[in-house]
């Protein structure tokens, strides 16, 4: 991984104490923007940057998305799988 790239991290959006959306940032240049988005499952979209490289996973239905579903997508994208604690903010919001 290059020095200017970040590791995987989760950002959760809450409304009235409930998670309404989340974004799993994948390793990328912090300035990189999405070029296209692809729906890959119920409540899950993948954003792609330059060169059609995956840069993030949008979780639009946090209560319906499991660790297994996220890891299934990451495996298909050939990106390291996440651990349960990395998605813990989603579970804490239920």
N, C-alpha and C. Protein backbone atom coordinates (compact mmCIF):
# COMPACT_ATOMS: atom_id res chain seq x y z
N UNK A 1 0.85 -1.18 0.00
CA UNK A 1 0.00 0.00 0.00
C UNK A 1 0.89 1.24 0.00
N UNK A 2 0.56 2.22 -0.82
CA UNK A 2 1.33 3.45 -0.91
C UNK A 2 1.10 4.29 0.34
N UNK A 3 2.09 5.16 0.64
CA UNK A 3 2.01 5.99 1.84
C UNK A 3 0.81 6.94 1.84
N UNK A 4 0.38 7.40 0.66
CA UNK A 4 -0.70 8.37 0.61
C UNK A 4 -2.08 7.73 0.59
N UNK A 5 -2.13 6.41 0.73
CA UNK A 5 -3.42 5.71 0.71
C UNK A 5 -3.82 5.35 2.13
N UNK A 6 -5.11 5.41 2.39
CA UNK A 6 -5.63 5.06 3.71
C UNK A 6 -6.09 3.61 3.73
N UNK A 7 -6.13 3.05 4.92
CA UNK A 7 -6.62 1.69 5.08
C UNK A 7 -8.16 1.73 5.11
N UNK A 8 -8.76 0.58 5.26
CA UNK A 8 -10.22 0.47 5.33
C UNK A 8 -10.73 1.09 6.64
N UNK A 9 -11.78 1.90 6.52
CA UNK A 9 -12.43 2.42 7.73
C UNK A 9 -13.89 2.72 7.44
N UNK A 10 -14.71 2.72 8.48
CA UNK A 10 -16.16 2.87 8.38
C UNK A 10 -16.60 4.23 8.89
N UNK A 11 -17.53 4.83 8.16
CA UNK A 11 -18.16 6.08 8.58
C UNK A 11 -19.67 5.82 8.60
N UNK A 12 -20.33 6.14 9.71
CA UNK A 12 -21.76 5.87 9.86
C UNK A 12 -22.52 7.18 10.02
N UNK A 13 -23.66 7.29 9.35
CA UNK A 13 -24.54 8.44 9.47
C UNK A 13 -25.73 8.05 10.33
N UNK A 14 -25.98 8.83 11.38
CA UNK A 14 -27.07 8.55 12.31
C UNK A 14 -28.14 9.62 12.20
N UNK A 15 -29.37 9.22 12.45
CA UNK A 15 -30.48 10.16 12.59
C UNK A 15 -31.32 9.66 13.76
N UNK A 16 -31.52 10.54 14.73
CA UNK A 16 -32.28 10.20 15.93
C UNK A 16 -31.75 8.93 16.60
N UNK A 17 -30.42 8.79 16.65
CA UNK A 17 -29.78 7.67 17.30
C UNK A 17 -29.77 6.37 16.53
N UNK A 18 -30.26 6.38 15.29
CA UNK A 18 -30.29 5.16 14.48
C UNK A 18 -29.41 5.33 13.25
N UNK A 19 -28.67 4.26 12.93
CA UNK A 19 -27.84 4.28 11.73
C UNK A 19 -28.75 4.26 10.51
N UNK A 20 -28.58 5.25 9.64
CA UNK A 20 -29.41 5.29 8.43
C UNK A 20 -28.59 4.99 7.18
N UNK A 21 -27.27 5.10 7.29
CA UNK A 21 -26.39 4.81 6.16
C UNK A 21 -24.97 4.66 6.70
N UNK A 22 -24.13 4.01 5.89
CA UNK A 22 -22.73 3.87 6.26
C UNK A 22 -21.90 3.82 4.99
N UNK A 23 -20.63 4.13 5.14
CA UNK A 23 -19.71 4.08 4.01
C UNK A 23 -18.43 3.43 4.48
N UNK A 24 -18.06 2.35 3.82
CA UNK A 24 -16.83 1.64 4.13
C UNK A 24 -15.78 2.10 3.12
N UNK A 25 -14.88 2.94 3.58
CA UNK A 25 -13.82 3.45 2.72
C UNK A 25 -12.80 2.35 2.49
N UNK A 26 -12.43 2.14 1.24
CA UNK A 26 -11.43 1.15 0.88
C UNK A 26 -10.11 1.88 0.63
N UNK A 27 -8.98 1.14 0.64
CA UNK A 27 -7.70 1.81 0.41
C UNK A 27 -7.72 2.61 -0.89
N UNK A 28 -7.35 3.89 -0.76
CA UNK A 28 -7.36 4.79 -1.91
C UNK A 28 -6.67 6.09 -1.55
N UNK A 29 -6.41 6.88 -2.56
CA UNK A 29 -5.90 8.22 -2.35
C UNK A 29 -7.03 9.02 -1.71
N UNK A 30 -6.79 9.74 -0.63
CA UNK A 30 -7.87 10.48 0.06
C UNK A 30 -8.61 11.47 -0.84
N UNK A 31 -7.98 11.94 -1.89
CA UNK A 31 -8.61 12.90 -2.81
C UNK A 31 -9.40 12.23 -3.93
N UNK A 32 -9.30 10.91 -4.05
CA UNK A 32 -9.95 10.21 -5.16
C UNK A 32 -11.47 10.25 -5.03
N UNK A 33 -12.14 10.49 -6.12
CA UNK A 33 -13.60 10.59 -6.17
C UNK A 33 -14.18 9.44 -6.98
N UNK A 34 -15.44 9.15 -6.72
CA UNK A 34 -16.14 8.09 -7.43
C UNK A 34 -16.39 8.47 -8.89
N UNK A 35 -16.13 7.54 -9.78
CA UNK A 35 -16.39 7.71 -11.21
C UNK A 35 -17.67 7.01 -11.63
N UNK A 36 -17.99 5.93 -10.89
CA UNK A 36 -19.23 5.19 -11.16
C UNK A 36 -19.60 4.39 -9.93
N UNK A 37 -20.88 4.00 -9.86
CA UNK A 37 -21.41 3.22 -8.74
C UNK A 37 -22.17 2.03 -9.29
N UNK A 38 -21.99 0.88 -8.63
CA UNK A 38 -22.67 -0.34 -9.05
C UNK A 38 -23.40 -0.97 -7.86
N UNK A 39 -24.68 -1.29 -8.04
CA UNK A 39 -25.43 -1.98 -7.01
C UNK A 39 -24.99 -3.45 -7.03
N UNK A 40 -24.60 -3.96 -5.86
CA UNK A 40 -24.09 -5.33 -5.78
C UNK A 40 -24.88 -6.21 -4.84
N UNK A 41 -25.87 -5.65 -4.17
CA UNK A 41 -26.69 -6.43 -3.26
C UNK A 41 -27.75 -5.55 -2.63
N UNK A 42 -28.60 -6.15 -1.83
CA UNK A 42 -29.66 -5.42 -1.15
C UNK A 42 -29.04 -4.42 -0.18
N UNK A 43 -29.18 -3.14 -0.49
CA UNK A 43 -28.66 -2.09 0.37
C UNK A 43 -27.17 -1.88 0.28
N UNK A 44 -26.53 -2.41 -0.76
CA UNK A 44 -25.07 -2.29 -0.90
C UNK A 44 -24.71 -1.84 -2.31
N UNK A 45 -23.89 -0.79 -2.38
CA UNK A 45 -23.38 -0.29 -3.66
C UNK A 45 -21.87 -0.15 -3.55
N UNK A 46 -21.17 -0.36 -4.65
CA UNK A 46 -19.72 -0.19 -4.67
C UNK A 46 -19.40 1.01 -5.55
N UNK A 47 -18.57 1.90 -5.02
CA UNK A 47 -18.09 3.04 -5.79
C UNK A 47 -16.73 2.69 -6.38
N UNK A 48 -16.54 3.09 -7.63
CA UNK A 48 -15.29 2.84 -8.34
C UNK A 48 -14.65 4.17 -8.72
N UNK A 49 -13.33 4.23 -8.60
CA UNK A 49 -12.60 5.42 -8.95
C UNK A 49 -11.90 5.25 -10.29
N UNK A 50 -10.82 5.97 -10.44
CA UNK A 50 -10.03 5.91 -11.68
C UNK A 50 -9.59 4.47 -11.96
N UNK A 51 -9.60 4.11 -13.22
CA UNK A 51 -9.16 2.78 -13.60
C UNK A 51 -10.10 1.69 -13.13
N UNK A 52 -11.32 2.07 -12.80
CA UNK A 52 -12.33 1.12 -12.35
C UNK A 52 -11.91 0.36 -11.08
N UNK A 53 -11.16 1.05 -10.22
CA UNK A 53 -10.71 0.47 -8.96
C UNK A 53 -11.73 0.76 -7.87
N UNK A 54 -12.15 -0.26 -7.10
CA UNK A 54 -13.12 -0.03 -6.02
C UNK A 54 -12.52 0.87 -4.94
N UNK A 55 -13.29 1.91 -4.56
CA UNK A 55 -12.79 2.86 -3.54
C UNK A 55 -13.68 2.93 -2.31
N UNK A 56 -14.88 2.35 -2.38
CA UNK A 56 -15.75 2.40 -1.21
C UNK A 56 -17.01 1.59 -1.39
N UNK A 57 -17.60 1.22 -0.27
CA UNK A 57 -18.86 0.47 -0.27
C UNK A 57 -19.89 1.29 0.47
N UNK A 58 -20.97 1.65 -0.24
CA UNK A 58 -22.08 2.38 0.36
C UNK A 58 -23.05 1.36 0.95
N UNK A 59 -23.42 1.56 2.19
CA UNK A 59 -24.38 0.69 2.86
C UNK A 59 -25.61 1.55 3.12
N UNK A 60 -26.63 1.35 2.30
CA UNK A 60 -27.82 2.18 2.37
C UNK A 60 -28.91 1.61 3.28
N UNK A 61 -28.74 0.37 3.69
CA UNK A 61 -29.69 -0.28 4.60
C UNK A 61 -28.89 -1.00 5.69
N UNK A 62 -28.29 -0.24 6.62
CA UNK A 62 -27.40 -0.83 7.62
C UNK A 62 -27.98 -1.98 8.42
N UNK A 63 -29.28 -1.95 8.69
CA UNK A 63 -29.89 -3.02 9.50
C UNK A 63 -30.00 -4.33 8.73
N UNK A 64 -29.93 -4.26 7.42
CA UNK A 64 -30.08 -5.46 6.59
C UNK A 64 -28.76 -6.04 6.10
N UNK A 65 -27.66 -5.34 6.37
CA UNK A 65 -26.36 -5.76 5.85
C UNK A 65 -25.55 -6.45 6.94
N UNK A 66 -25.06 -7.63 6.62
CA UNK A 66 -24.29 -8.42 7.59
C UNK A 66 -22.80 -8.36 7.28
N UNK A 67 -22.01 -8.75 8.26
CA UNK A 67 -20.57 -8.87 8.10
C UNK A 67 -20.27 -9.83 6.95
N UNK A 68 -21.01 -10.91 6.88
CA UNK A 68 -20.79 -11.91 5.82
C UNK A 68 -21.05 -11.30 4.44
N UNK A 69 -22.08 -10.50 4.32
CA UNK A 69 -22.39 -9.87 3.03
C UNK A 69 -21.27 -8.92 2.60
N UNK A 70 -20.79 -8.12 3.53
CA UNK A 70 -19.71 -7.18 3.23
C UNK A 70 -18.45 -7.95 2.84
N UNK A 71 -18.11 -8.98 3.60
CA UNK A 71 -16.91 -9.75 3.30
C UNK A 71 -17.03 -10.52 1.99
N UNK A 72 -18.21 -10.94 1.64
CA UNK A 72 -18.43 -11.61 0.35
C UNK A 72 -18.07 -10.64 -0.80
N UNK A 73 -18.51 -9.40 -0.67
CA UNK A 73 -18.22 -8.39 -1.69
C UNK A 73 -16.72 -8.08 -1.71
N UNK A 74 -16.13 -7.91 -0.54
CA UNK A 74 -14.69 -7.63 -0.47
C UNK A 74 -13.88 -8.76 -1.10
N UNK A 75 -14.29 -10.00 -0.87
CA UNK A 75 -13.58 -11.14 -1.46
C UNK A 75 -13.65 -11.08 -2.99
N UNK A 76 -14.83 -10.76 -3.51
CA UNK A 76 -14.98 -10.65 -4.97
C UNK A 76 -14.11 -9.52 -5.54
N UNK A 77 -13.95 -8.45 -4.75
CA UNK A 77 -13.15 -7.31 -5.18
C UNK A 77 -11.65 -7.53 -4.93
N UNK A 78 -11.32 -8.66 -4.29
CA UNK A 78 -9.95 -9.01 -3.94
C UNK A 78 -9.32 -7.99 -2.99
N UNK A 79 -10.12 -7.62 -1.98
CA UNK A 79 -9.68 -6.69 -0.94
C UNK A 79 -9.78 -7.44 0.39
N UNK A 80 -8.90 -7.12 1.31
CA UNK A 80 -8.88 -7.84 2.58
C UNK A 80 -10.25 -7.78 3.25
N UNK A 81 -10.61 -8.87 3.93
CA UNK A 81 -11.88 -8.94 4.63
C UNK A 81 -11.82 -8.10 5.90
N UNK A 82 -12.98 -7.65 6.35
CA UNK A 82 -13.04 -6.88 7.59
C UNK A 82 -13.40 -7.79 8.75
N UNK A 83 -13.02 -7.37 9.93
CA UNK A 83 -13.33 -8.10 11.15
C UNK A 83 -14.61 -7.53 11.74
N UNK A 84 -15.25 -8.31 12.59
CA UNK A 84 -16.51 -7.90 13.21
C UNK A 84 -16.39 -6.54 13.91
N UNK A 85 -15.28 -6.32 14.59
CA UNK A 85 -15.10 -5.05 15.32
C UNK A 85 -15.01 -3.84 14.39
N UNK A 86 -14.64 -4.06 13.14
CA UNK A 86 -14.55 -2.94 12.20
C UNK A 86 -15.95 -2.45 11.78
N UNK A 87 -16.95 -3.33 11.87
CA UNK A 87 -18.33 -2.95 11.56
C UNK A 87 -19.18 -2.78 12.83
N UNK A 88 -18.54 -2.83 13.99
CA UNK A 88 -19.24 -2.74 15.27
C UNK A 88 -20.11 -1.49 15.41
N UNK A 89 -19.72 -0.34 14.88
CA UNK A 89 -20.62 0.83 15.00
C UNK A 89 -22.00 0.60 14.39
N UNK A 90 -22.10 -0.23 13.38
CA UNK A 90 -23.41 -0.54 12.80
C UNK A 90 -24.26 -1.35 13.78
N UNK A 91 -23.65 -2.36 14.37
CA UNK A 91 -24.38 -3.21 15.32
C UNK A 91 -24.78 -2.44 16.57
N UNK A 92 -23.94 -1.51 16.99
CA UNK A 92 -24.23 -0.73 18.20
C UNK A 92 -25.43 0.18 18.02
N UNK A 93 -25.76 0.48 16.79
CA UNK A 93 -26.85 1.42 16.53
C UNK A 93 -28.23 0.76 16.52
N UNK A 94 -28.28 -0.57 16.63
CA UNK A 94 -29.58 -1.26 16.55
C UNK A 94 -30.30 -1.22 17.88
